[in-house]
Amino acid sequence: MERIRVMLVDDHALFRKGVASLLAACPDIEVVGEADTGAEALPKVADLMPDLILMDIQMPGMDGLEATRRIVAEHPYVKIVMLTVAEEDRSLFEAIKAGAQGYLLKKIEPDEFLAMVRGVSRGDAPISRSMASKILGEFGRRVQRPQAEDPAAKITPREREVLQLLTQGNTNKEIANALCVSENTVKNHLKNILAKLHLQNRVQAVAFALREGIVPEETRSP
């Protein structure tokens, strides 16, 4: 069985060790390393080659946002999920811009946390329904709509359906069940969507779909 290689980056040792112990109890997950600052994490990523990094957003010196930007630039294959004590609009938006695959609150229940870790390794992204409106608000204030062409015109009807289900917080498996297709088919649709729209991950795809009006108002999550 191939295990998910996880690296933890958090300056609170007690929290970090607690998460490490939780993950170590799972036979399909391996904690390959830890760091207590963003600066310490950078060289370790190159040495350890983790599949997933759980990154604290607030750390002294180089914070999680800056560390994420640098890691994504050098190791784009690595999936990074930000950990935070509060769902702040500005931090959420900056994390998405930096290339983070998800954004989790530290108060999350252990079972849900483990499900999220496994989901990220399959290509899912930890994004709650409440995050969608916050992402929309930030993108609406900060990102201007392109004038040359309508990006929504590139999206096929089936891809619109995928985006609609994505904005409702569904995982790849749930989208596949809803559309009566395989998970691999859903992954391929998502790859096509990201390539067409020049986006980095599914969180950005949700933001784009909401901002551009690709997803009808009545189908959006509250």
C-alpha atoms as a PDB file:
ATOM      1  CA  MET A   1       0.000   0.000   0.000  1.00  0.00           C
ATOM      2  CA  GLU A   2       1.374   3.371  -1.037  1.00  0.00           C
ATOM      3  CA  ARG A   3       1.234   5.766   1.873  1.00  0.00           C
ATOM      4  CA  ILE A   4       0.543   9.500   1.788  1.00  0.00           C
ATOM      5  CA  ARG A   5       3.750  11.314   2.712  1.00  0.00           C
ATOM      6  CA  VAL A   6       2.893  14.278   4.941  1.00  0.00           C
ATOM      7  CA  MET A   7       5.043  17.104   6.276  1.00  0.00           C
ATOM      8  CA  LEU A   8       3.918  19.335   9.161  1.00  0.00           C
ATOM      9  CA  VAL A   9       4.884  23.000   9.439  1.00  0.00           C
ATOM     10  CA  ASP A  10       3.685  24.742  12.601  1.00  0.00           C
ATOM     11  CA  ASP A  11       5.463  26.776  15.274  1.00  0.00           C
ATOM     12  CA  HIS A  12       3.266  25.379  18.069  1.00  0.00           C
ATOM     13  CA  ALA A  13       5.059  22.181  19.037  1.00  0.00           C
ATOM     14  CA  LEU A  14       2.189  20.774  21.087  1.00  0.00           C
ATOM     15  CA  PHE A  15      -0.289  21.109  18.217  1.00  0.00           C
ATOM     16  CA  ARG A  16       2.248  19.804  15.682  1.00  0.00           C
ATOM     17  CA  LYS A  17       3.089  16.746  17.785  1.00  0.00           C
ATOM     18  CA  GLY A  18      -0.604  16.078  18.369  1.00  0.00           C
ATOM     19  CA  VAL A  19      -1.316  16.096  14.631  1.00  0.00           C
ATOM     20  CA  ALA A  20       1.753  13.924  14.013  1.00  0.00           C
ATOM     21  CA  SER A  21       0.488  11.355  16.531  1.00  0.00           C
ATOM     22  CA  LEU A  22      -2.962  11.356  14.953  1.00  0.00           C
ATOM     23  CA  LEU A  23      -1.537  10.789  11.473  1.00  0.00           C
ATOM     24  CA  ALA A  24       0.996   8.197  12.647  1.00  0.00           C
ATOM     25  CA  ALA A  25      -1.871   5.983  13.823  1.00  0.00           C
ATOM     26  CA  CYS A  26      -3.099   5.692  10.218  1.00  0.00           C
ATOM     27  CA  PRO A  27      -1.512   2.870   8.173  1.00  0.00           C
ATOM     28  CA  ASP A  28      -2.008   4.787   4.903  1.00  0.00           C
ATOM     29  CA  ILE A  29      -0.291   7.988   6.101  1.00  0.00           C
ATOM     30  CA  GLU A  30       3.379   8.618   6.876  1.00  0.00           C
ATOM     31  CA  VAL A  31       4.687  11.760   8.599  1.00  0.00           C
ATOM     32  CA  VAL A  32       8.028  12.276   6.865  1.00  0.00           C
ATOM     33  CA  GLY A  33       9.100  15.481   8.606  1.00  0.00           C
ATOM     34  CA  GLU A  34       8.295  18.529  10.667  1.00  0.00           C
ATOM     35  CA  ALA A  35       9.333  22.187  10.768  1.00  0.00           C
ATOM     36  CA  ASP A  36       8.444  25.028  13.114  1.00  0.00           C
ATOM     37  CA  THR A  37       8.982  27.909  10.677  1.00  0.00           C
ATOM     38  CA  GLY A  38       8.480  28.556   6.987  1.00  0.00           C
ATOM     39  CA  ALA A  39      12.207  29.161   6.527  1.00  0.00           C
ATOM     40  CA  GLU A  40      13.044  25.799   8.078  1.00  0.00           C
ATOM     41  CA  ALA A  41      10.492  24.075   5.867  1.00  0.00           C
ATOM     42  CA  LEU A  42      11.992  25.178   2.533  1.00  0.00           C
ATOM     43  CA  PRO A  43      15.152  23.009   2.487  1.00  0.00           C
ATOM     44  CA  LYS A  44      13.328  20.101   4.129  1.00  0.00           C
ATOM     45  CA  VAL A  45      10.771  19.931   1.320  1.00  0.00           C
ATOM     46  CA  ALA A  46      13.552  19.417  -1.217  1.00  0.00           C
ATOM     47  CA  ASP A  47      15.076  16.638   0.897  1.00  0.00           C
ATOM     48  CA  LEU A  48      11.906  14.864   2.022  1.00  0.00           C
ATOM     49  CA  MET A  49       9.728  15.245  -1.103  1.00  0.00           C
ATOM     50  CA  PRO A  50       6.354  15.052   0.710  1.00  0.00           C
ATOM     51  CA  ASP A  51       3.060  14.571  -1.124  1.00  0.00           C
ATOM     52  CA  LEU A  52       1.222  16.938   1.193  1.00  0.00           C
ATOM     53  CA  ILE A  53       2.239  19.769   3.511  1.00  0.00           C
ATOM     54  CA  LEU A  54       0.006  20.907   6.361  1.00  0.00           C
ATOM     55  CA  MET A  55       1.089  24.520   6.812  1.00  0.00           C
ATOM     56  CA  ASP A  56       0.283  26.872   9.680  1.00  0.00           C
ATOM     57  CA  ILE A  57      -0.634  30.260   8.242  1.00  0.00           C
ATOM     58  CA  GLN A  58       0.707  32.364  11.142  1.00  0.00           C
ATOM     59  CA  MET A  59       4.356  31.772  12.086  1.00  0.00           C
ATOM     60  CA  PRO A  60       7.203  34.070  13.185  1.00  0.00           C
ATOM     61  CA  GLY A  61       9.678  35.114  10.522  1.00  0.00           C
ATOM     62  CA  MET A  62       8.557  33.606   7.225  1.00  0.00           C
ATOM     63  CA  ASP A  63       4.840  32.913   7.566  1.00  0.00           C
ATOM     64  CA  GLY A  64       2.891  30.131   5.910  1.00  0.00           C
ATOM     65  CA  LEU A  65       1.789  32.269   2.976  1.00  0.00           C
ATOM     66  CA  GLU A  66       5.322  33.203   1.929  1.00  0.00           C
ATOM     67  CA  ALA A  67       6.571  29.658   2.499  1.00  0.00           C
ATOM     68  CA  THR A  68       3.721  28.353   0.326  1.00  0.00           C
ATOM     69  CA  ARG A  69       4.581  30.749  -2.506  1.00  0.00           C
ATOM     70  CA  ARG A  70       8.212  29.631  -2.500  1.00  0.00           C
ATOM     71  CA  ILE A  71       7.456  25.933  -2.211  1.00  0.00           C
ATOM     72  CA  VAL A  72       4.856  26.007  -5.000  1.00  0.00           C
ATOM     73  CA  ALA A  73       7.330  27.861  -7.239  1.00  0.00           C
ATOM     74  CA  GLU A  74      10.050  25.247  -6.716  1.00  0.00           C
ATOM     75  CA  HIS A  75       7.933  22.119  -6.166  1.00  0.00           C
ATOM     76  CA  PRO A  76       4.588  22.537  -7.968  1.00  0.00           C
ATOM     77  CA  TYR A  77       3.698  18.867  -7.452  1.00  0.00           C
ATOM     78  CA  VAL A  78       3.395  19.341  -3.663  1.00  0.00           C
ATOM     79  CA  LYS A  79      -0.107  19.862  -2.306  1.00  0.00           C
ATOM     80  CA  ILE A  80      -0.316  22.409   0.519  1.00  0.00           C
ATOM     81  CA  VAL A  81      -3.216  22.858   2.918  1.00  0.00           C
ATOM     82  CA  MET A  82      -3.209  25.861   5.209  1.00  0.00           C
ATOM     83  CA  LEU A  83      -4.091  25.440   8.900  1.00  0.00           C
ATOM     84  CA  THR A  84      -5.522  28.374  10.815  1.00  0.00           C
ATOM     85  CA  VAL A  85      -7.465  29.217  13.961  1.00  0.00           C
ATOM     86  CA  ALA A  86      -9.843  31.572  12.094  1.00  0.00           C
ATOM     87  CA  GLU A  87     -11.406  31.751   8.642  1.00  0.00           C
ATOM     88  CA  GLU A  88     -10.274  35.295   7.803  1.00  0.00           C
ATOM     89  CA  ASP A  89     -11.192  36.707   4.403  1.00  0.00           C
ATOM     90  CA  ARG A  90      -7.815  38.244   3.628  1.00  0.00           C
ATOM     91  CA  SER A  91      -5.804  35.193   4.676  1.00  0.00           C
ATOM     92  CA  LEU A  92      -8.112  32.891   2.725  1.00  0.00           C
ATOM     93  CA  PHE A  93      -7.702  34.918  -0.455  1.00  0.00           C
ATOM     94  CA  GLU A  94      -3.939  35.220  -0.065  1.00  0.00           C
ATOM     95  CA  ALA A  95      -3.617  31.472   0.562  1.00  0.00           C
ATOM     96  CA  ILE A  96      -5.451  30.714  -2.675  1.00  0.00           C
ATOM     97  CA  LYS A  97      -3.265  33.190  -4.568  1.00  0.00           C
ATOM     98  CA  ALA A  98      -0.181  31.554  -3.100  1.00  0.00           C
ATOM     99  CA  GLY A  99      -1.232  28.194  -4.531  1.00  0.00           C
ATOM    100  CA  ALA A 100      -2.692  26.418  -1.481  1.00  0.00           C
ATOM    101  CA  GLN A 101      -4.989  23.487  -2.255  1.00  0.00           C
ATOM    102  CA  GLY A 102      -7.171  24.032   0.786  1.00  0.00           C
ATOM    103  CA  TYR A 103      -7.776  25.920   4.008  1.00  0.00           C
ATOM    104  CA  LEU A 104      -8.667  24.127   7.270  1.00  0.00           C
ATOM    105  CA  LEU A 105      -9.615  25.398  10.704  1.00  0.00           C
ATOM    106  CA  LYS A 106      -7.627  23.903  13.571  1.00  0.00           C
ATOM    107  CA  LYS A 107     -10.845  23.231  15.501  1.00  0.00           C
ATOM    108  CA  ILE A 108     -11.855  20.576  12.940  1.00  0.00           C
ATOM    109  CA  GLU A 109     -12.821  17.142  14.297  1.00  0.00           C
ATOM    110  CA  PRO A 110     -10.126  14.419  13.975  1.00  0.00           C
ATOM    111  CA  ASP A 111     -12.228  12.140  11.738  1.00  0.00           C
ATOM    112  CA  GLU A 112     -13.066  15.000   9.395  1.00  0.00           C
ATOM    113  CA  PHE A 113      -9.429  16.088   9.389  1.00  0.00           C
ATOM    114  CA  LEU A 114      -8.217  12.615   8.353  1.00  0.00           C
ATOM    115  CA  ALA A 115     -10.869  12.448   5.648  1.00  0.00           C
ATOM    116  CA  MET A 116      -9.652  15.793   4.314  1.00  0.00           C
ATOM    117  CA  VAL A 117      -6.020  14.611   4.262  1.00  0.00           C
ATOM    118  CA  ARG A 118      -6.983  11.518   2.294  1.00  0.00           C
ATOM    119  CA  GLY A 119      -9.209  13.564   0.014  1.00  0.00           C
ATOM    120  CA  VAL A 120      -6.425  15.981  -0.890  1.00  0.00           C
ATOM    121  CA  SER A 121      -4.211  13.062  -1.940  1.00  0.00           C
ATOM    122  CA  ARG A 122      -6.998  11.967  -4.336  1.00  0.00           C
ATOM    123  CA  GLY A 123      -7.284  15.426  -5.842  1.00  0.00           C
ATOM    124  CA  ASP A 124     -10.063  16.832  -3.663  1.00  0.00           C
ATOM    125  CA  ALA A 125      -9.694  20.170  -1.924  1.00  0.00           C
ATOM    126  CA  PRO A 126     -10.740  21.105   1.614  1.00  0.00           C
ATOM    127  CA  ILE A 127     -13.188  23.912   0.951  1.00  0.00           C
ATOM    128  CA  SER A 128     -16.268  24.426   3.086  1.00  0.00           C
ATOM    129  CA  ARG A 129     -19.525  25.740   1.708  1.00  0.00           C
ATOM    130  CA  SER A 130     -19.122  28.918   3.744  1.00  0.00           C
ATOM    131  CA  MET A 131     -15.796  29.638   2.033  1.00  0.00           C
ATOM    132  CA  ALA A 132     -17.396  30.011  -1.410  1.00  0.00           C
ATOM    133  CA  SER A 133     -19.074  33.342  -0.657  1.00  0.00           C
ATOM    134  CA  LYS A 134     -15.897  34.674   0.963  1.00  0.00           C
ATOM    135  CA  ILE A 135     -13.821  33.711  -2.052  1.00  0.00           C
ATOM    136  CA  LEU A 136     -16.369  35.359  -4.325  1.00  0.00           C
ATOM    137  CA  GLY A 137     -16.269  38.554  -2.293  1.00  0.00           C
ATOM    138  CA  GLU A 138     -12.486  38.805  -2.378  1.00  0.00           C
ATOM    139  CA  PHE A 139     -12.206  38.040  -6.084  1.00  0.00           C
ATOM    140  CA  GLY A 140     -14.963  40.500  -6.862  1.00  0.00           C
ATOM    141  CA  ARG A 141     -13.090  43.287  -5.071  1.00  0.00           C
ATOM    142  CA  ARG A 142      -9.572  42.491  -6.245  1.00  0.00           C
ATOM    143  CA  VAL A 143      -9.728  40.866  -9.670  1.00  0.00           C
ATOM    144  CA  GLN A 144     -10.913  42.704 -12.760  1.00  0.00           C
ATOM    145  CA  ARG A 145     -12.801  40.773 -15.407  1.00  0.00           C
ATOM    146  CA  PRO A 146     -10.877  40.344 -18.706  1.00  0.00           C
ATOM    147  CA  GLN A 147     -12.180  42.556 -21.476  1.00  0.00           C
ATOM    148  CA  ALA A 148     -10.877  40.733 -24.560  1.00  0.00           C
ATOM    149  CA  GLU A 149     -13.045  37.601 -24.310  1.00  0.00           C
ATOM    150  CA  ASP A 150     -15.589  35.844 -22.169  1.00  0.00           C
ATOM    151  CA  PRO A 151     -13.751  33.061 -20.284  1.00  0.00           C
ATOM    152  CA  ALA A 152     -17.037  31.254 -19.682  1.00  0.00           C
ATOM    153  CA  ALA A 153     -17.301  30.603 -23.420  1.00  0.00           C
ATOM    154  CA  LYS A 154     -14.448  28.089 -23.126  1.00  0.00           C
ATOM    155  CA  ILE A 155     -16.384  25.872 -20.733  1.00  0.00           C
ATOM    156  CA  THR A 156     -18.491  23.005 -22.106  1.00  0.00           C
ATOM    157  CA  PRO A 157     -21.962  22.152 -20.714  1.00  0.00           C
ATOM    158  CA  ARG A 158     -20.548  19.106 -18.904  1.00  0.00           C
ATOM    159  CA  GLU A 159     -17.744  21.194 -17.397  1.00  0.00           C
ATOM    160  CA  ARG A 160     -20.361  23.663 -16.184  1.00  0.00           C
ATOM    161  CA  GLU A 161     -22.101  20.803 -14.397  1.00  0.00           C
ATOM    162  CA  VAL A 162     -18.812  19.813 -12.769  1.00  0.00           C
ATOM    163  CA  LEU A 163     -18.211  23.404 -11.664  1.00  0.00           C
ATOM    164  CA  GLN A 164     -21.739  23.677 -10.294  1.00  0.00           C
ATOM    165  CA  LEU A 165     -21.246  20.588  -8.124  1.00  0.00           C
ATOM    166  CA  LEU A 166     -17.774  21.785  -7.142  1.00  0.00           C
ATOM    167  CA  THR A 167     -19.098  25.099  -5.811  1.00  0.00           C
ATOM    168  CA  GLN A 168     -21.521  23.148  -3.628  1.00  0.00           C
ATOM    169  CA  GLY A 169     -18.586  21.571  -1.791  1.00  0.00           C
ATOM    170  CA  ASN A 170     -18.772  18.121  -3.390  1.00  0.00           C
ATOM    171  CA  THR A 171     -15.760  15.799  -3.573  1.00  0.00           C
ATOM    172  CA  ASN A 172     -14.655  14.097  -6.786  1.00  0.00           C
ATOM    173  CA  LYS A 173     -16.497  10.925  -5.733  1.00  0.00           C
ATOM    174  CA  GLU A 174     -19.706  12.828  -5.025  1.00  0.00           C
ATOM    175  CA  ILE A 175     -19.477  14.644  -8.359  1.00  0.00           C
ATOM    176  CA  ALA A 176     -18.887  11.331 -10.137  1.00  0.00           C
ATOM    177  CA  ASN A 177     -21.957   9.789  -8.468  1.00  0.00           C
ATOM    178  CA  ALA A 178     -24.118  12.790  -9.328  1.00  0.00           C
ATOM    179  CA  LEU A 179     -23.079  12.707 -13.006  1.00  0.00           C
ATOM    180  CA  CYS A 180     -22.979   8.891 -13.256  1.00  0.00           C
ATOM    181  CA  VAL A 181     -19.340   8.873 -14.391  1.00  0.00           C
ATOM    182  CA  SER A 182     -16.062   7.601 -12.932  1.00  0.00           C
ATOM    183  CA  GLU A 183     -13.832   9.601 -10.600  1.00  0.00           C
ATOM    184  CA  ASN A 184     -11.125   9.553 -13.278  1.00  0.00           C
ATOM    185  CA  THR A 185     -13.547  11.215 -15.677  1.00  0.00           C
ATOM    186  CA  VAL A 186     -14.240  13.929 -13.102  1.00  0.00           C
ATOM    187  CA  LYS A 187     -10.485  14.430 -12.577  1.00  0.00           C
ATOM    188  CA  ASN A 188     -10.016  14.802 -16.334  1.00  0.00           C
ATOM    189  CA  HIS A 189     -12.820  17.358 -16.522  1.00  0.00           C
ATOM    190  CA  LEU A 190     -11.184  19.325 -13.716  1.00  0.00           C
ATOM    191  CA  LYS A 191      -7.789  19.182 -15.432  1.00  0.00           C
ATOM    192  CA  ASN A 192      -9.381  20.531 -18.606  1.00  0.00           C
ATOM    193  CA  ILE A 193     -11.146  23.306 -16.715  1.00  0.00           C
ATOM    194  CA  LEU A 194      -7.941  24.400 -14.968  1.00  0.00           C
ATOM    195  CA  ALA A 195      -5.979  24.296 -18.228  1.00  0.00           C
ATOM    196  CA  LYS A 196      -8.587  26.293 -20.153  1.00  0.00           C
ATOM    197  CA  LEU A 197      -8.866  28.964 -17.485  1.00  0.00           C
ATOM    198  CA  HIS A 198      -5.165  29.041 -16.541  1.00  0.00           C
ATOM    199  CA  LEU A 199      -5.924  28.296 -12.901  1.00  0.00           C
ATOM    200  CA  GLN A 200      -3.802  26.402 -10.365  1.00  0.00           C
ATOM    201  CA  ASN A 201      -6.329  24.369  -8.395  1.00  0.00           C
ATOM    202  CA  ARG A 202      -9.993  23.619  -7.780  1.00  0.00           C
ATOM    203  CA  VAL A 203     -10.348  26.288  -5.112  1.00  0.00           C
ATOM    204  CA  GLN A 204      -9.490  28.906  -7.718  1.00  0.00           C
ATOM    205  CA  ALA A 205     -11.929  27.180 -10.097  1.00  0.00           C
ATOM    206  CA  VAL A 206     -14.727  27.662  -7.551  1.00  0.00           C
ATOM    207  CA  ALA A 207     -13.843  31.334  -7.185  1.00  0.00           C
ATOM    208  CA  PHE A 208     -13.727  31.800 -10.944  1.00  0.00           C
ATOM    209  CA  ALA A 209     -17.072  30.064 -11.489  1.00  0.00           C
ATOM    210  CA  LEU A 210     -18.758  32.276  -8.905  1.00  0.00           C
ATOM    211  CA  ARG A 211     -17.130  35.497 -10.049  1.00  0.00           C
ATOM    212  CA  GLU A 212     -17.837  34.938 -13.742  1.00  0.00           C
ATOM    213  CA  GLY A 213     -21.413  33.835 -13.204  1.00  0.00           C
ATOM    214  CA  ILE A 214     -20.770  30.402 -14.714  1.00  0.00           C
ATOM    215  CA  VAL A 215     -22.733  28.847 -11.864  1.00  0.00           C
ATOM    216  CA  PRO A 216     -26.391  29.982 -11.674  1.00  0.00           C
ATOM    217  CA  GLU A 217     -27.284  31.974  -8.570  1.00  0.00           C
ATOM    218  CA  GLU A 218     -29.903  29.484  -7.403  1.00  0.00           C
ATOM    219  CA  THR A 219     -27.382  26.597  -7.324  1.00  0.00           C
ATOM    220  CA  ARG A 220     -24.753  28.309  -5.191  1.00  0.00           C
ATOM    221  CA  SER A 221     -24.126  27.139  -1.672  1.00  0.00           C
ATOM    222  CA  PRO A 222     -25.323  29.433   1.137  1.00  0.00           C
END
